Amino acid sequence: MLVFEFIFGYLMRKAQVTLIDKFLASVHSGDSVCHQMIMGAGKTTVISPMLQLILADGNRFIMQVVPAALLQFAKDVARAAFSAVIHKTVYTLQFDRFSEVTASLFYKFENATATRSIVVSNPTSVKSLALKFVELCHRLDLSDLMSADQG
């Protein structure tokens, strides 16, 4: 964390360090955690980049989900944070229910994981991707039923 402070020119507050430790502990234990912070407390500029730096280890897929109105700001902050000393690519996931799911999407996610990159998206895109997954699973189930009836 000291190197992070030096590289990015931040002096992290005790509450930020405590929160980062809490999130990291929850990741390692497999628990889910949520924490609310007031505006200006460093969610996008301090907490997120630090967690992205630590958690994007080549084994985890890291996606930052932000409100649509903050998408560009979050991308700009991540790109600024990871463009000088520590390099990470920042991708954007834009997805809607009419988007086509291809193997290339999977390979892009796999590549983002392997290269320790960050994917930034908004809740609507993530929900659309989840709903598309459910829809495709349903189609597969129907096709299995139809082929069983014919066979």
C-alpha atoms as a PDB file:
ATOM      1  CA  MET A   1       0.000   0.000   0.000  1.00  0.00           C
ATOM      2  CA  LEU A   2       2.952   2.255   0.641  1.00  0.00           C
ATOM      3  CA  VAL A   3       4.143   1.771  -2.946  1.00  0.00           C
ATOM      4  CA  PHE A   4       0.609   2.553  -4.156  1.00  0.00           C
ATOM      5  CA  GLU A   5       0.625   5.800  -2.154  1.00  0.00           C
ATOM      6  CA  PHE A   6       4.022   6.737  -3.545  1.00  0.00           C
ATOM      7  CA  ILE A   7       3.202   5.928  -7.184  1.00  0.00           C
ATOM      8  CA  PHE A   8      -0.214   7.616  -7.210  1.00  0.00           C
ATOM      9  CA  GLY A   9       0.587  10.477  -4.850  1.00  0.00           C
ATOM     10  CA  TYR A  10      -2.155   9.581  -2.360  1.00  0.00           C
ATOM     11  CA  LEU A  11      -2.016   9.464   1.385  1.00  0.00           C
ATOM     12  CA  MET A  12      -4.522   6.785   2.232  1.00  0.00           C
ATOM     13  CA  ARG A  13      -6.768   7.338   5.224  1.00  0.00           C
ATOM     14  CA  LYS A  14      -7.033   4.762   7.976  1.00  0.00           C
ATOM     15  CA  ALA A  15     -10.696   4.095   7.062  1.00  0.00           C
ATOM     16  CA  GLN A  16      -9.668   3.376   3.448  1.00  0.00           C
ATOM     17  CA  VAL A  17      -6.951   0.932   4.507  1.00  0.00           C
ATOM     18  CA  THR A  18      -9.356  -0.790   6.909  1.00  0.00           C
ATOM     19  CA  LEU A  19     -11.990  -1.094   4.180  1.00  0.00           C
ATOM     20  CA  ILE A  20      -9.494  -2.498   1.674  1.00  0.00           C
ATOM     21  CA  ASP A  21      -8.391  -5.063   4.267  1.00  0.00           C
ATOM     22  CA  LYS A  22     -12.050  -5.957   4.883  1.00  0.00           C
ATOM     23  CA  PHE A  23     -12.694  -6.492   1.157  1.00  0.00           C
ATOM     24  CA  LEU A  24      -9.520  -8.558   0.721  1.00  0.00           C
ATOM     25  CA  ALA A  25     -10.412 -10.748   3.706  1.00  0.00           C
ATOM     26  CA  SER A  26     -13.875 -11.341   2.258  1.00  0.00           C
ATOM     27  CA  VAL A  27     -12.412 -12.321  -1.126  1.00  0.00           C
ATOM     28  CA  HIS A  28     -10.035 -14.796   0.497  1.00  0.00           C
ATOM     29  CA  SER A  29     -12.794 -16.305   2.654  1.00  0.00           C
ATOM     30  CA  GLY A  30     -15.276 -16.456  -0.232  1.00  0.00           C
ATOM     31  CA  ASP A  31     -17.760 -14.164   1.469  1.00  0.00           C
ATOM     32  CA  SER A  32     -19.704 -11.351  -0.140  1.00  0.00           C
ATOM     33  CA  VAL A  33     -19.465  -7.905   1.376  1.00  0.00           C
ATOM     34  CA  CYS A  34     -20.958  -4.522   0.640  1.00  0.00           C
ATOM     35  CA  HIS A  35     -20.006  -1.184   2.129  1.00  0.00           C
ATOM     36  CA  GLN A  36     -21.554   2.223   1.640  1.00  0.00           C
ATOM     37  CA  MET A  37     -19.377   5.330   1.566  1.00  0.00           C
ATOM     38  CA  ILE A  38     -20.185   8.988   1.241  1.00  0.00           C
ATOM     39  CA  MET A  39     -19.365  10.902  -1.914  1.00  0.00           C
ATOM     40  CA  GLY A  40     -15.735  12.004  -1.990  1.00  0.00           C
ATOM     41  CA  ALA A  41     -14.467   9.245   0.318  1.00  0.00           C
ATOM     42  CA  GLY A  42     -12.256   7.744  -2.395  1.00  0.00           C
ATOM     43  CA  LYS A  43     -14.345   4.863  -3.730  1.00  0.00           C
ATOM     44  CA  THR A  44     -13.374   5.409  -7.366  1.00  0.00           C
ATOM     45  CA  THR A  45      -9.993   7.088  -6.999  1.00  0.00           C
ATOM     46  CA  VAL A  46      -8.431   5.130  -4.106  1.00  0.00           C
ATOM     47  CA  ILE A  47     -10.343   2.006  -3.053  1.00  0.00           C
ATOM     48  CA  SER A  48     -11.114   0.659  -6.545  1.00  0.00           C
ATOM     49  CA  PRO A  49      -7.626   1.093  -8.055  1.00  0.00           C
ATOM     50  CA  MET A  50      -6.010  -0.455  -4.977  1.00  0.00           C
ATOM     51  CA  LEU A  51      -8.333  -3.483  -5.068  1.00  0.00           C
ATOM     52  CA  GLN A  52      -7.823  -3.795  -8.827  1.00  0.00           C
ATOM     53  CA  LEU A  53      -4.059  -3.723  -8.352  1.00  0.00           C
ATOM     54  CA  ILE A  54      -4.122  -6.438  -5.691  1.00  0.00           C
ATOM     55  CA  LEU A  55      -6.893  -8.680  -7.013  1.00  0.00           C
ATOM     56  CA  ALA A  56      -6.080  -8.688 -10.743  1.00  0.00           C
ATOM     57  CA  ASP A  57      -3.463 -11.400 -10.311  1.00  0.00           C
ATOM     58  CA  GLY A  58      -3.889 -13.364 -13.542  1.00  0.00           C
ATOM     59  CA  ASN A  59      -6.278 -15.842 -11.914  1.00  0.00           C
ATOM     60  CA  ARG A  60      -9.282 -13.625 -11.211  1.00  0.00           C
ATOM     61  CA  PHE A  61     -11.586 -11.820 -13.598  1.00  0.00           C
ATOM     62  CA  ILE A  62     -11.929  -8.266 -12.281  1.00  0.00           C
ATOM     63  CA  MET A  63     -14.937  -6.172 -13.236  1.00  0.00           C
ATOM     64  CA  GLN A  64     -15.779  -2.802 -11.775  1.00  0.00           C
ATOM     65  CA  VAL A  65     -19.495  -2.103 -12.019  1.00  0.00           C
ATOM     66  CA  VAL A  66     -20.461   1.545 -11.700  1.00  0.00           C
ATOM     67  CA  PRO A  67     -23.635   3.537 -12.415  1.00  0.00           C
ATOM     68  CA  ALA A  68     -23.930   4.414 -16.102  1.00  0.00           C
ATOM     69  CA  ALA A  69     -23.406   8.112 -15.315  1.00  0.00           C
ATOM     70  CA  LEU A  70     -19.998   7.293 -13.769  1.00  0.00           C
ATOM     71  CA  LEU A  71     -18.797   4.834 -16.412  1.00  0.00           C
ATOM     72  CA  GLN A  72     -16.563   7.237 -18.319  1.00  0.00           C
ATOM     73  CA  PHE A  73     -15.150   8.729 -15.092  1.00  0.00           C
ATOM     74  CA  ALA A  74     -14.358   5.269 -13.680  1.00  0.00           C
ATOM     75  CA  LYS A  75     -12.632   4.259 -16.932  1.00  0.00           C
ATOM     76  CA  ASP A  76     -10.619   7.481 -16.984  1.00  0.00           C
ATOM     77  CA  VAL A  77      -9.512   7.015 -13.369  1.00  0.00           C
ATOM     78  CA  ALA A  78      -8.514   3.382 -13.947  1.00  0.00           C
ATOM     79  CA  ARG A  79      -6.642   4.250 -17.135  1.00  0.00           C
ATOM     80  CA  ALA A  80      -4.820   7.095 -15.412  1.00  0.00           C
ATOM     81  CA  ALA A  81      -3.936   4.880 -12.458  1.00  0.00           C
ATOM     82  CA  PHE A  82      -2.579   2.064 -14.616  1.00  0.00           C
ATOM     83  CA  SER A  83      -0.838   3.900 -17.422  1.00  0.00           C
ATOM     84  CA  ALA A  84       2.416   5.104 -15.845  1.00  0.00           C
ATOM     85  CA  VAL A  85       4.427   2.818 -13.557  1.00  0.00           C
ATOM     86  CA  ILE A  86       2.041  -0.119 -13.314  1.00  0.00           C
ATOM     87  CA  HIS A  87       0.384  -1.026 -16.614  1.00  0.00           C
ATOM     88  CA  LYS A  88      -3.060  -2.619 -16.836  1.00  0.00           C
ATOM     89  CA  THR A  89      -5.420  -2.486 -19.760  1.00  0.00           C
ATOM     90  CA  VAL A  90      -8.892  -1.161 -19.028  1.00  0.00           C
ATOM     91  CA  TYR A  91     -11.725  -2.588 -21.115  1.00  0.00           C
ATOM     92  CA  THR A  92     -15.380  -1.610 -21.272  1.00  0.00           C
ATOM     93  CA  LEU A  93     -18.251  -4.082 -21.376  1.00  0.00           C
ATOM     94  CA  GLN A  94     -21.261  -2.682 -23.205  1.00  0.00           C
ATOM     95  CA  PHE A  95     -23.925  -5.363 -23.526  1.00  0.00           C
ATOM     96  CA  ASP A  96     -27.675  -5.382 -24.084  1.00  0.00           C
ATOM     97  CA  ARG A  97     -30.246  -8.110 -24.566  1.00  0.00           C
ATOM     98  CA  PHE A  98     -29.876  -7.907 -28.338  1.00  0.00           C
ATOM     99  CA  SER A  99     -26.108  -8.382 -28.243  1.00  0.00           C
ATOM    100  CA  GLU A 100     -24.825 -11.604 -29.698  1.00  0.00           C
ATOM    101  CA  VAL A 101     -22.874 -13.963 -27.476  1.00  0.00           C
ATOM    102  CA  THR A 102     -19.937 -15.520 -29.274  1.00  0.00           C
ATOM    103  CA  ALA A 103     -16.854 -17.411 -28.239  1.00  0.00           C
ATOM    104  CA  SER A 104     -14.873 -14.201 -28.729  1.00  0.00           C
ATOM    105  CA  LEU A 105     -16.618 -12.643 -25.723  1.00  0.00           C
ATOM    106  CA  PHE A 106     -15.488 -15.556 -23.569  1.00  0.00           C
ATOM    107  CA  TYR A 107     -11.954 -15.285 -24.953  1.00  0.00           C
ATOM    108  CA  LYS A 108     -11.900 -11.551 -24.249  1.00  0.00           C
ATOM    109  CA  PHE A 109     -12.848 -12.216 -20.616  1.00  0.00           C
ATOM    110  CA  GLU A 110     -10.265 -14.987 -20.437  1.00  0.00           C
ATOM    111  CA  ASN A 111      -7.617 -12.680 -21.921  1.00  0.00           C
ATOM    112  CA  ALA A 112      -8.534  -9.900 -19.489  1.00  0.00           C
ATOM    113  CA  THR A 113      -8.019 -12.344 -16.632  1.00  0.00           C
ATOM    114  CA  ALA A 114      -4.696 -13.643 -17.924  1.00  0.00           C
ATOM    115  CA  THR A 115      -3.298 -10.177 -18.637  1.00  0.00           C
ATOM    116  CA  ARG A 116      -4.469  -8.798 -15.258  1.00  0.00           C
ATOM    117  CA  SER A 117      -6.674  -6.284 -17.028  1.00  0.00           C
ATOM    118  CA  ILE A 118      -9.708  -4.459 -15.665  1.00  0.00           C
ATOM    119  CA  VAL A 119     -13.195  -4.511 -17.175  1.00  0.00           C
ATOM    120  CA  VAL A 120     -15.472  -1.586 -16.370  1.00  0.00           C
ATOM    121  CA  SER A 121     -19.203  -1.866 -16.925  1.00  0.00           C
ATOM    122  CA  ASN A 122     -22.574  -0.687 -15.683  1.00  0.00           C
ATOM    123  CA  PRO A 123     -25.364  -2.630 -13.948  1.00  0.00           C
ATOM    124  CA  THR A 124     -27.574  -2.720 -17.049  1.00  0.00           C
ATOM    125  CA  SER A 125     -24.879  -4.425 -19.119  1.00  0.00           C
ATOM    126  CA  VAL A 126     -24.150  -6.963 -16.385  1.00  0.00           C
ATOM    127  CA  LYS A 127     -27.839  -7.751 -15.929  1.00  0.00           C
ATOM    128  CA  SER A 128     -28.290  -8.075 -19.696  1.00  0.00           C
ATOM    129  CA  LEU A 129     -25.382 -10.511 -19.871  1.00  0.00           C
ATOM    130  CA  ALA A 130     -26.843 -12.583 -17.019  1.00  0.00           C
ATOM    131  CA  LEU A 131     -30.277 -12.628 -18.663  1.00  0.00           C
ATOM    132  CA  LYS A 132     -28.729 -13.635 -21.993  1.00  0.00           C
ATOM    133  CA  PHE A 133     -27.021 -16.522 -20.196  1.00  0.00           C
ATOM    134  CA  VAL A 134     -30.363 -17.669 -18.740  1.00  0.00           C
ATOM    135  CA  GLU A 135     -32.011 -17.329 -22.153  1.00  0.00           C
ATOM    136  CA  LEU A 136     -29.314 -19.415 -23.837  1.00  0.00           C
ATOM    137  CA  CYS A 137     -29.513 -22.092 -21.126  1.00  0.00           C
ATOM    138  CA  HIS A 138     -33.280 -22.219 -21.653  1.00  0.00           C
ATOM    139  CA  ARG A 139     -32.808 -22.622 -25.419  1.00  0.00           C
ATOM    140  CA  LEU A 140     -30.360 -25.469 -24.826  1.00  0.00           C
ATOM    141  CA  ASP A 141     -32.809 -27.182 -22.485  1.00  0.00           C
ATOM    142  CA  LEU A 142     -35.565 -26.865 -25.083  1.00  0.00           C
ATOM    143  CA  SER A 143     -33.354 -28.233 -27.834  1.00  0.00           C
ATOM    144  CA  ASP A 144     -32.420 -31.195 -25.598  1.00  0.00           C
ATOM    145  CA  LEU A 145     -36.098 -31.883 -24.957  1.00  0.00           C
ATOM    146  CA  MET A 146     -36.957 -31.651 -28.638  1.00  0.00           C
ATOM    147  CA  SER A 147     -34.137 -33.988 -29.680  1.00  0.00           C
ATOM    148  CA  ALA A 148     -35.146 -36.475 -26.938  1.00  0.00           C
ATOM    149  CA  ASP A 149     -38.749 -36.435 -28.216  1.00  0.00           C
ATOM    150  CA  GLN A 150     -37.588 -37.071 -31.780  1.00  0.00           C
ATOM    151  CA  GLY A 151     -35.154 -39.821 -30.824  1.00  0.00           C
END
